[in-house]
C-alpha atoms as a PDB file:
ATOM      1  CA  UNK A   1     -40.249 -21.301  44.385  1.00  0.00           C
ATOM      2  CA  UNK A   2     -36.833 -20.521  45.857  1.00  0.00           C
ATOM      3  CA  UNK A   3     -36.226 -22.458  49.074  1.00  0.00           C
ATOM      4  CA  UNK A   4     -34.058 -21.304  51.938  1.00  0.00           C
ATOM      5  CA  UNK A   5     -30.593 -22.857  51.963  1.00  0.00           C
ATOM      6  CA  UNK A   6     -29.845 -25.193  54.915  1.00  0.00           C
ATOM      7  CA  UNK A   7     -27.030 -24.140  57.245  1.00  0.00           C
ATOM      8  CA  UNK A   8     -25.410 -27.521  56.614  1.00  0.00           C
ATOM      9  CA  UNK A   9     -25.225 -26.716  52.893  1.00  0.00           C
ATOM     10  CA  UNK A  10     -23.597 -23.359  53.571  1.00  0.00           C
ATOM     11  CA  UNK A  11     -21.097 -25.071  55.875  1.00  0.00           C
ATOM     12  CA  UNK A  12     -20.337 -27.615  53.131  1.00  0.00           C
ATOM     13  CA  UNK A  13     -19.728 -24.754  50.669  1.00  0.00           C
ATOM     14  CA  UNK A  14     -17.300 -23.169  53.131  1.00  0.00           C
ATOM     15  CA  UNK A  15     -15.428 -26.439  53.659  1.00  0.00           C
ATOM     16  CA  UNK A  16     -15.273 -26.880  49.895  1.00  0.00           C
ATOM     17  CA  UNK A  17     -13.885 -23.348  49.405  1.00  0.00           C
ATOM     18  CA  UNK A  18     -11.161 -23.815  52.023  1.00  0.00           C
ATOM     19  CA  UNK A  19     -10.179 -27.285  50.786  1.00  0.00           C
ATOM     20  CA  UNK A  20     -10.012 -26.231  47.133  1.00  0.00           C
ATOM     21  CA  UNK A  21      -7.813 -23.256  48.065  1.00  0.00           C
ATOM     22  CA  UNK A  22      -5.458 -25.339  50.203  1.00  0.00           C
ATOM     23  CA  UNK A  23      -4.928 -28.132  47.657  1.00  0.00           C
ATOM     24  CA  UNK A  24      -2.609 -26.193  45.289  1.00  0.00           C
ATOM     25  CA  UNK A  25      -0.873 -24.430  48.197  1.00  0.00           C
ATOM     26  CA  UNK A  26      -0.026 -27.725  49.912  1.00  0.00           C
ATOM     27  CA  UNK A  27       1.072 -29.256  46.601  1.00  0.00           C
ATOM     28  CA  UNK A  28       3.352 -26.285  45.931  1.00  0.00           C
ATOM     29  CA  UNK A  29       4.975 -26.456  49.382  1.00  0.00           C
ATOM     30  CA  UNK A  30       5.477 -30.219  49.160  1.00  0.00           C
ATOM     31  CA  UNK A  31       6.948 -30.357  45.634  1.00  0.00           C
ATOM     32  CA  UNK A  32       9.059 -27.255  46.240  1.00  0.00           C
ATOM     33  CA  UNK A  33      10.534 -28.924  49.316  1.00  0.00           C
ATOM     34  CA  UNK A  34      11.044 -32.366  47.775  1.00  0.00           C
ATOM     35  CA  UNK A  35      12.425 -31.433  44.343  1.00  0.00           C
ATOM     36  CA  UNK A  36      14.779 -29.015  42.668  1.00  0.00           C
ATOM     37  CA  UNK A  37      12.340 -26.796  40.841  1.00  0.00           C
ATOM     38  CA  UNK A  38      11.810 -23.237  39.690  1.00  0.00           C
ATOM     39  CA  UNK A  39       8.925 -21.550  41.509  1.00  0.00           C
ATOM     40  CA  UNK A  40       8.297 -19.092  38.668  1.00  0.00           C
ATOM     41  CA  UNK A  41       6.936 -21.964  36.573  1.00  0.00           C
ATOM     42  CA  UNK A  42       3.815 -21.763  38.744  1.00  0.00           C
ATOM     43  CA  UNK A  43       3.145 -18.283  37.355  1.00  0.00           C
ATOM     44  CA  UNK A  44       3.664 -19.546  33.799  1.00  0.00           C
ATOM     45  CA  UNK A  45       1.091 -22.280  34.402  1.00  0.00           C
ATOM     46  CA  UNK A  46      -1.422 -19.921  35.998  1.00  0.00           C
ATOM     47  CA  UNK A  47      -1.008 -17.374  33.202  1.00  0.00           C
ATOM     48  CA  UNK A  48      -1.486 -20.084  30.599  1.00  0.00           C
ATOM     49  CA  UNK A  49      -4.808 -21.118  32.141  1.00  0.00           C
ATOM     50  CA  UNK A  50      -6.066 -17.539  32.266  1.00  0.00           C
ATOM     51  CA  UNK A  51      -5.075 -16.693  28.672  1.00  0.00           C
ATOM     52  CA  UNK A  52      -5.991 -19.925  26.898  1.00  0.00           C
ATOM     53  CA  UNK A  53      -8.906 -21.251  28.982  1.00  0.00           C
ATOM     54  CA  UNK A  54     -10.566 -18.122  30.354  1.00  0.00           C
ATOM     55  CA  UNK A  55      -9.938 -15.658  27.522  1.00  0.00           C
ATOM     56  CA  UNK A  56      -9.309 -17.393  24.181  1.00  0.00           C
ATOM     57  CA  UNK A  57     -11.562 -20.399  24.791  1.00  0.00           C
ATOM     58  CA  UNK A  58     -14.333 -18.127  26.079  1.00  0.00           C
ATOM     59  CA  UNK A  59     -14.130 -16.040  22.891  1.00  0.00           C
ATOM     60  CA  UNK A  60     -14.513 -19.222  20.835  1.00  0.00           C
ATOM     61  CA  UNK A  61     -17.542 -20.272  22.915  1.00  0.00           C
ATOM     62  CA  UNK A  62     -19.215 -16.914  22.331  1.00  0.00           C
ATOM     63  CA  UNK A  63     -18.735 -17.207  18.567  1.00  0.00           C
ATOM     64  CA  UNK A  64     -19.796 -20.864  18.361  1.00  0.00           C
ATOM     65  CA  UNK A  65     -22.865 -20.464  20.573  1.00  0.00           C
ATOM     66  CA  UNK A  66     -23.908 -17.356  18.657  1.00  0.00           C
ATOM     67  CA  UNK A  67     -24.184 -19.395  15.462  1.00  0.00           C
ATOM     68  CA  UNK A  68     -24.777 -22.950  16.689  1.00  0.00           C
ATOM     69  CA  UNK A  69     -26.016 -22.522  20.264  1.00  0.00           C
ATOM     70  CA  UNK A  70     -29.499 -23.893  19.585  1.00  0.00           C
ATOM     71  CA  UNK A  71     -28.207 -27.121  18.033  1.00  0.00           C
ATOM     72  CA  UNK A  72     -25.635 -27.652  20.785  1.00  0.00           C
ATOM     73  CA  UNK A  73     -28.190 -27.087  23.535  1.00  0.00           C
ATOM     74  CA  UNK A  74     -30.603 -29.541  21.910  1.00  0.00           C
ATOM     75  CA  UNK A  75     -28.074 -32.393  21.895  1.00  0.00           C
ATOM     76  CA  UNK A  76     -26.168 -33.276  25.050  1.00  0.00           C
ATOM     77  CA  UNK A  77     -23.801 -35.435  22.970  1.00  0.00           C
ATOM     78  CA  UNK A  78     -22.884 -32.597  20.594  1.00  0.00           C
ATOM     79  CA  UNK A  79     -22.533 -30.239  23.558  1.00  0.00           C
ATOM     80  CA  UNK A  80     -20.217 -32.683  25.335  1.00  0.00           C
ATOM     81  CA  UNK A  81     -18.107 -33.377  22.246  1.00  0.00           C
ATOM     82  CA  UNK A  82     -17.696 -29.695  21.437  1.00  0.00           C
ATOM     83  CA  UNK A  83     -16.945 -28.670  25.033  1.00  0.00           C
ATOM     84  CA  UNK A  84     -14.450 -31.481  25.591  1.00  0.00           C
ATOM     85  CA  UNK A  85     -12.651 -30.869  22.314  1.00  0.00           C
ATOM     86  CA  UNK A  86     -12.443 -27.100  22.845  1.00  0.00           C
ATOM     87  CA  UNK A  87     -11.078 -27.521  26.375  1.00  0.00           C
ATOM     88  CA  UNK A  88      -8.560 -30.143  25.295  1.00  0.00           C
ATOM     89  CA  UNK A  89      -7.259 -28.197  22.315  1.00  0.00           C
ATOM     90  CA  UNK A  90      -7.010 -24.804  24.003  1.00  0.00           C
ATOM     91  CA  UNK A  91      -5.518 -25.906  27.316  1.00  0.00           C
ATOM     92  CA  UNK A  92      -3.067 -28.458  25.949  1.00  0.00           C
ATOM     93  CA  UNK A  93      -1.993 -26.172  23.110  1.00  0.00           C
ATOM     94  CA  UNK A  94      -1.521 -23.448  25.713  1.00  0.00           C
ATOM     95  CA  UNK A  95       0.721 -25.754  27.725  1.00  0.00           C
ATOM     96  CA  UNK A  96       2.715 -26.667  24.636  1.00  0.00           C
ATOM     97  CA  UNK A  97       3.264 -23.048  23.575  1.00  0.00           C
ATOM     98  CA  UNK A  98       4.076 -21.787  27.079  1.00  0.00           C
ATOM     99  CA  UNK A  99       6.576 -24.538  27.782  1.00  0.00           C
ATOM    100  CA  UNK A 100       8.320 -23.900  24.453  1.00  0.00           C
ATOM    101  CA  UNK A 101       8.403 -20.116  24.897  1.00  0.00           C
ATOM    102  CA  UNK A 102       8.824 -19.545  28.618  1.00  0.00           C
ATOM    103  CA  UNK A 103      10.426 -22.703  29.996  1.00  0.00           C
ATOM    104  CA  UNK A 104      13.294 -23.306  27.560  1.00  0.00           C
ATOM    105  CA  UNK A 105      15.903 -23.120  30.328  1.00  0.00           C
ATOM    106  CA  UNK A 106      13.679 -24.702  32.953  1.00  0.00           C
ATOM    107  CA  UNK A 107      12.203 -27.633  31.068  1.00  0.00           C
ATOM    108  CA  UNK A 108      12.504 -30.390  33.641  1.00  0.00           C
ATOM    109  CA  UNK A 109       9.962 -32.881  34.860  1.00  0.00           C
ATOM    110  CA  UNK A 110       9.963 -31.219  38.294  1.00  0.00           C
ATOM    111  CA  UNK A 111       9.138 -27.874  36.710  1.00  0.00           C
ATOM    112  CA  UNK A 112       6.381 -29.496  34.666  1.00  0.00           C
ATOM    113  CA  UNK A 113       4.727 -30.277  38.003  1.00  0.00           C
ATOM    114  CA  UNK A 114       5.174 -26.677  39.134  1.00  0.00           C
ATOM    115  CA  UNK A 115       3.592 -25.589  35.865  1.00  0.00           C
ATOM    116  CA  UNK A 116       0.724 -27.995  36.593  1.00  0.00           C
ATOM    117  CA  UNK A 117       0.294 -26.565  40.077  1.00  0.00           C
ATOM    118  CA  UNK A 118      -0.024 -23.085  38.596  1.00  0.00           C
ATOM    119  CA  UNK A 119      -2.403 -24.195  35.866  1.00  0.00           C
ATOM    120  CA  UNK A 120      -4.489 -26.434  38.108  1.00  0.00           C
ATOM    121  CA  UNK A 121      -4.291 -24.032  41.043  1.00  0.00           C
ATOM    122  CA  UNK A 122      -5.604 -21.136  38.978  1.00  0.00           C
ATOM    123  CA  UNK A 123      -8.474 -23.320  37.787  1.00  0.00           C
ATOM    124  CA  UNK A 124      -9.202 -24.545  41.326  1.00  0.00           C
ATOM    125  CA  UNK A 125      -9.310 -21.062  42.837  1.00  0.00           C
ATOM    126  CA  UNK A 126     -11.060 -19.248  39.980  1.00  0.00           C
ATOM    127  CA  UNK A 127     -13.583 -21.984  39.201  1.00  0.00           C
ATOM    128  CA  UNK A 128     -13.879 -23.729  42.563  1.00  0.00           C
ATOM    129  CA  UNK A 129     -13.153 -21.269  45.345  1.00  0.00           C
ATOM    130  CA  UNK A 130     -14.763 -18.228  43.774  1.00  0.00           C
ATOM    131  CA  UNK A 131     -17.869 -20.233  42.849  1.00  0.00           C
ATOM    132  CA  UNK A 132     -18.148 -21.542  46.407  1.00  0.00           C
ATOM    133  CA  UNK A 133     -17.867 -18.068  47.935  1.00  0.00           C
ATOM    134  CA  UNK A 134     -20.380 -16.733  45.407  1.00  0.00           C
ATOM    135  CA  UNK A 135     -22.811 -19.500  46.372  1.00  0.00           C
ATOM    136  CA  UNK A 136     -22.323 -18.709  50.057  1.00  0.00           C
ATOM    137  CA  UNK A 137     -23.102 -15.025  49.466  1.00  0.00           C
ATOM    138  CA  UNK A 138     -26.205 -15.887  47.438  1.00  0.00           C
ATOM    139  CA  UNK A 139     -27.346 -18.389  50.070  1.00  0.00           C
ATOM    140  CA  UNK A 140     -27.049 -15.784  52.816  1.00  0.00           C
ATOM    141  CA  UNK A 141     -29.141 -13.359  50.727  1.00  0.00           C
ATOM    142  CA  UNK A 142     -31.772 -16.044  50.128  1.00  0.00           C
ATOM    143  CA  UNK A 143     -32.021 -16.832  53.834  1.00  0.00           C
ATOM    144  CA  UNK A 144     -32.202 -13.111  54.633  1.00  0.00           C
ATOM    145  CA  UNK A 145     -35.203 -12.744  52.282  1.00  0.00           C
ATOM    146  CA  UNK A 146     -33.357 -10.415  49.931  1.00  0.00           C
ATOM    147  CA  UNK A 147     -34.288 -12.307  46.755  1.00  0.00           C
ATOM    148  CA  UNK A 148     -36.393  -9.487  45.304  1.00  0.00           C
ATOM    149  CA  UNK A 149     -33.593  -7.005  45.877  1.00  0.00           C
ATOM    150  CA  UNK A 150     -31.140  -9.345  44.170  1.00  0.00           C
ATOM    151  CA  UNK A 151     -33.375 -10.065  41.170  1.00  0.00           C
ATOM    152  CA  UNK A 152     -34.219  -6.389  40.695  1.00  0.00           C
ATOM    153  CA  UNK A 153     -30.581  -5.713  39.836  1.00  0.00           C
ATOM    154  CA  UNK A 154     -30.482  -8.473  37.201  1.00  0.00           C
ATOM    155  CA  UNK A 155     -31.157  -7.839  33.521  1.00  0.00           C
ATOM    156  CA  UNK A 156     -34.543  -9.194  32.429  1.00  0.00           C
ATOM    157  CA  UNK A 157     -32.939 -11.487  29.851  1.00  0.00           C
ATOM    158  CA  UNK A 158     -30.902 -13.189  32.590  1.00  0.00           C
ATOM    159  CA  UNK A 159     -33.533 -13.226  35.328  1.00  0.00           C
ATOM    160  CA  UNK A 160     -34.775 -16.744  34.547  1.00  0.00           C
ATOM    161  CA  UNK A 161     -31.256 -18.204  34.590  1.00  0.00           C
ATOM    162  CA  UNK A 162     -30.436 -16.474  37.890  1.00  0.00           C
ATOM    163  CA  UNK A 163     -33.717 -17.690  39.413  1.00  0.00           C
ATOM    164  CA  UNK A 164     -32.869 -21.270  38.414  1.00  0.00           C
ATOM    165  CA  UNK A 165     -29.411 -20.891  39.953  1.00  0.00           C
ATOM    166  CA  UNK A 166     -30.900 -19.613  43.214  1.00  0.00           C
ATOM    167  CA  UNK A 167     -33.485 -22.405  43.272  1.00  0.00           C
ATOM    168  CA  UNK A 168     -30.740 -25.006  42.799  1.00  0.00           C
ATOM    169  CA  UNK A 169     -28.897 -23.808  45.926  1.00  0.00           C
ATOM    170  CA  UNK A 170     -31.823 -24.709  48.156  1.00  0.00           C
ATOM    171  CA  UNK A 171     -32.747 -27.880  46.278  1.00  0.00           C
ATOM    172  CA  UNK A 172     -29.241 -29.381  46.186  1.00  0.00           C
ATOM    173  CA  UNK A 173     -28.368 -31.881  48.918  1.00  0.00           C
ATOM    174  CA  UNK A 174     -25.669 -30.654  51.293  1.00  0.00           C
ATOM    175  CA  UNK A 175     -23.369 -33.559  50.452  1.00  0.00           C
ATOM    176  CA  UNK A 176     -23.266 -32.587  46.789  1.00  0.00           C
ATOM    177  CA  UNK A 177     -21.437 -29.373  47.658  1.00  0.00           C
ATOM    178  CA  UNK A 178     -18.687 -31.517  49.157  1.00  0.00           C
ATOM    179  CA  UNK A 179     -18.643 -33.623  45.988  1.00  0.00           C
ATOM    180  CA  UNK A 180     -17.754 -30.438  44.120  1.00  0.00           C
ATOM    181  CA  UNK A 181     -14.568 -30.349  46.198  1.00  0.00           C
ATOM    182  CA  UNK A 182     -13.775 -33.935  45.205  1.00  0.00           C
ATOM    183  CA  UNK A 183     -14.238 -32.964  41.557  1.00  0.00           C
ATOM    184  CA  UNK A 184     -11.851 -30.001  41.958  1.00  0.00           C
ATOM    185  CA  UNK A 185      -9.248 -32.284  43.570  1.00  0.00           C
ATOM    186  CA  UNK A 186      -9.522 -34.718  40.661  1.00  0.00           C
ATOM    187  CA  UNK A 187      -9.259 -31.842  38.176  1.00  0.00           C
ATOM    188  CA  UNK A 188      -6.137 -30.581  39.933  1.00  0.00           C
ATOM    189  CA  UNK A 189      -4.452 -34.002  39.854  1.00  0.00           C
ATOM    190  CA  UNK A 190      -5.394 -34.353  36.186  1.00  0.00           C
ATOM    191  CA  UNK A 191      -3.815 -30.961  35.429  1.00  0.00           C
ATOM    192  CA  UNK A 192      -0.558 -32.160  36.980  1.00  0.00           C
ATOM    193  CA  UNK A 193      -0.637 -35.307  34.849  1.00  0.00           C
ATOM    194  CA  UNK A 194      -1.437 -33.420  31.641  1.00  0.00           C
ATOM    195  CA  UNK A 195       1.343 -30.917  32.321  1.00  0.00           C
ATOM    196  CA  UNK A 196       3.843 -33.744  32.643  1.00  0.00           C
ATOM    197  CA  UNK A 197       2.577 -35.422  29.460  1.00  0.00           C
ATOM    198  CA  UNK A 198       2.883 -32.192  27.444  1.00  0.00           C
ATOM    199  CA  UNK A 199       6.335 -31.649  28.960  1.00  0.00           C
ATOM    200  CA  UNK A 200       7.306 -35.009  27.464  1.00  0.00           C
ATOM    201  CA  UNK A 201       5.986 -33.832  24.094  1.00  0.00           C
ATOM    202  CA  UNK A 202       8.221 -30.764  24.243  1.00  0.00           C
ATOM    203  CA  UNK A 203      11.278 -32.305  25.899  1.00  0.00           C
ATOM    204  CA  UNK A 204      11.369 -35.459  23.783  1.00  0.00           C
ATOM    205  CA  UNK A 205      10.007 -33.741  20.651  1.00  0.00           C
ATOM    206  CA  UNK A 206       7.246 -36.333  20.365  1.00  0.00           C
ATOM    207  CA  UNK A 207       3.910 -34.817  19.194  1.00  0.00           C
ATOM    208  CA  UNK A 208       2.120 -38.040  20.148  1.00  0.00           C
ATOM    209  CA  UNK A 209       2.383 -37.007  23.808  1.00  0.00           C
ATOM    210  CA  UNK A 210       0.593 -33.739  22.953  1.00  0.00           C
ATOM    211  CA  UNK A 211      -2.114 -35.679  21.095  1.00  0.00           C
ATOM    212  CA  UNK A 212      -2.403 -38.007  24.098  1.00  0.00           C
ATOM    213  CA  UNK A 213      -2.900 -35.035  26.443  1.00  0.00           C
ATOM    214  CA  UNK A 214      -5.592 -33.524  24.196  1.00  0.00           C
ATOM    215  CA  UNK A 215      -7.337 -36.905  23.934  1.00  0.00           C
ATOM    216  CA  UNK A 216      -7.340 -37.489  27.710  1.00  0.00           C
ATOM    217  CA  UNK A 217      -8.608 -33.972  28.404  1.00  0.00           C
ATOM    218  CA  UNK A 218     -11.304 -34.289  25.739  1.00  0.00           C
ATOM    219  CA  UNK A 219     -12.424 -37.751  26.892  1.00  0.00           C
ATOM    220  CA  UNK A 220     -12.685 -36.827  30.584  1.00  0.00           C
ATOM    221  CA  UNK A 221     -14.550 -33.551  30.011  1.00  0.00           C
ATOM    222  CA  UNK A 222     -16.946 -34.974  27.417  1.00  0.00           C
ATOM    223  CA  UNK A 223     -17.685 -38.090  29.474  1.00  0.00           C
ATOM    224  CA  UNK A 224     -18.471 -36.042  32.589  1.00  0.00           C
ATOM    225  CA  UNK A 225     -21.021 -33.926  30.719  1.00  0.00           C
ATOM    226  CA  UNK A 226     -22.811 -36.997  29.335  1.00  0.00           C
ATOM    227  CA  UNK A 227     -22.659 -38.939  32.601  1.00  0.00           C
ATOM    228  CA  UNK A 228     -23.985 -35.998  34.635  1.00  0.00           C
ATOM    229  CA  UNK A 229     -27.186 -36.104  32.586  1.00  0.00           C
ATOM    230  CA  UNK A 230     -27.730 -39.825  33.033  1.00  0.00           C
ATOM    231  CA  UNK A 231     -26.547 -40.893  36.487  1.00  0.00           C
ATOM    232  CA  UNK A 232     -26.350 -39.453  39.999  1.00  0.00           C
ATOM    233  CA  UNK A 233     -23.715 -36.913  41.009  1.00  0.00           C
ATOM    234  CA  UNK A 234     -22.245 -39.423  43.470  1.00  0.00           C
ATOM    235  CA  UNK A 235     -21.846 -42.053  40.743  1.00  0.00           C
ATOM    236  CA  UNK A 236     -20.221 -39.489  38.445  1.00  0.00           C
ATOM    237  CA  UNK A 237     -17.645 -38.598  41.107  1.00  0.00           C
ATOM    238  CA  UNK A 238     -16.825 -42.266  41.737  1.00  0.00           C
ATOM    239  CA  UNK A 239     -16.152 -42.779  38.020  1.00  0.00           C
ATOM    240  CA  UNK A 240     -14.096 -39.567  37.909  1.00  0.00           C
ATOM    241  CA  UNK A 241     -11.992 -40.610  40.900  1.00  0.00           C
ATOM    242  CA  UNK A 242     -11.327 -44.043  39.391  1.00  0.00           C
ATOM    243  CA  UNK A 243     -10.424 -42.589  35.983  1.00  0.00           C
ATOM    244  CA  UNK A 244      -8.086 -39.928  37.395  1.00  0.00           C
ATOM    245  CA  UNK A 245      -6.487 -42.447  39.757  1.00  0.00           C
ATOM    246  CA  UNK A 246      -5.642 -44.680  36.783  1.00  0.00           C
ATOM    247  CA  UNK A 247      -4.252 -41.760  34.780  1.00  0.00           C
ATOM    248  CA  UNK A 248      -2.244 -40.530  37.778  1.00  0.00           C
ATOM    249  CA  UNK A 249      -0.843 -44.017  38.476  1.00  0.00           C
ATOM    250  CA  UNK A 250       0.376 -44.467  34.888  1.00  0.00           C
ATOM    251  CA  UNK A 251       1.771 -40.920  34.775  1.00  0.00           C
ATOM    252  CA  UNK A 252       3.575 -41.362  38.096  1.00  0.00           C
ATOM    253  CA  UNK A 253       5.165 -44.593  36.860  1.00  0.00           C
ATOM    254  CA  UNK A 254       6.361 -42.754  33.755  1.00  0.00           C
ATOM    255  CA  UNK A 255       7.684 -39.906  35.925  1.00  0.00           C
ATOM    256  CA  UNK A 256       9.606 -42.285  38.180  1.00  0.00           C
ATOM    257  CA  UNK A 257      10.897 -44.251  35.212  1.00  0.00           C
ATOM    258  CA  UNK A 258      12.262 -41.091  33.619  1.00  0.00           C
ATOM    259  CA  UNK A 259      13.983 -40.226  36.890  1.00  0.00           C
ATOM    260  CA  UNK A 260      15.661 -43.627  36.978  1.00  0.00           C
ATOM    261  CA  UNK A 261      16.803 -43.307  33.365  1.00  0.00           C
ATOM    262  CA  UNK A 262      18.221 -39.870  34.099  1.00  0.00           C
ATOM    263  CA  UNK A 263      20.241 -41.241  37.022  1.00  0.00           C
ATOM    264  CA  UNK A 264      21.542 -44.108  34.910  1.00  0.00           C
ATOM    265  CA  UNK A 265      22.586 -41.669  32.177  1.00  0.00           C
ATOM    266  CA  UNK A 266      24.424 -39.477  34.678  1.00  0.00           C
ATOM    267  CA  UNK A 267      26.307 -42.480  36.014  1.00  0.00           C
END
């Protein structure tokens, strides 16, 4: 049975949508004001996410799930390992290629952050904001008793999945919709860190930085999938926040250290 969606849940979705949209905008304004950077690198980052994560990675998923979907769906561990590895390889390789091809004359640590804002911002808005607005629209239809009208327009093969999605909206606690915003914030910060790490791989010609970025991306994504099946959503977000905070702290120290070395070299 599909329950009506509480007004508080819809409000939480709206707050989540606004917050997720503002995060990359505020980051862009702040970094653009504080550093000497090239704004066009944001577009390079956003384009990289769309091409490598939304198009190429999606094509791979369609092929893999066509042949091995049953086995992956039967094992949460295999599903997590595959998903984490695919995301890490495609997104970090995309960063590496884009920085080499499109940022040759703008390959600075400041521009790596602008790239990260574009990459992470595109992910935040496409995955976070659009999902939130979609959930709001569906919730309004549920509360207006338009479920039958909605389901009648859905293909029979997808009707069960859509029904489960609609049921989840009413069954999910209002606070969990806000947790989705916390997850998007963590993902955005992680994208900034990964962009800087891959920048180091390109700038310093050290492939180990690229491997490090792939490993971090893989580990975080895979761990979240496994944890989500075994502990509460709140506990998952706490672990995610702690992990990303540690990664961000180490990355920031490396960023500041590079700045100091650059100043010393100039002197």
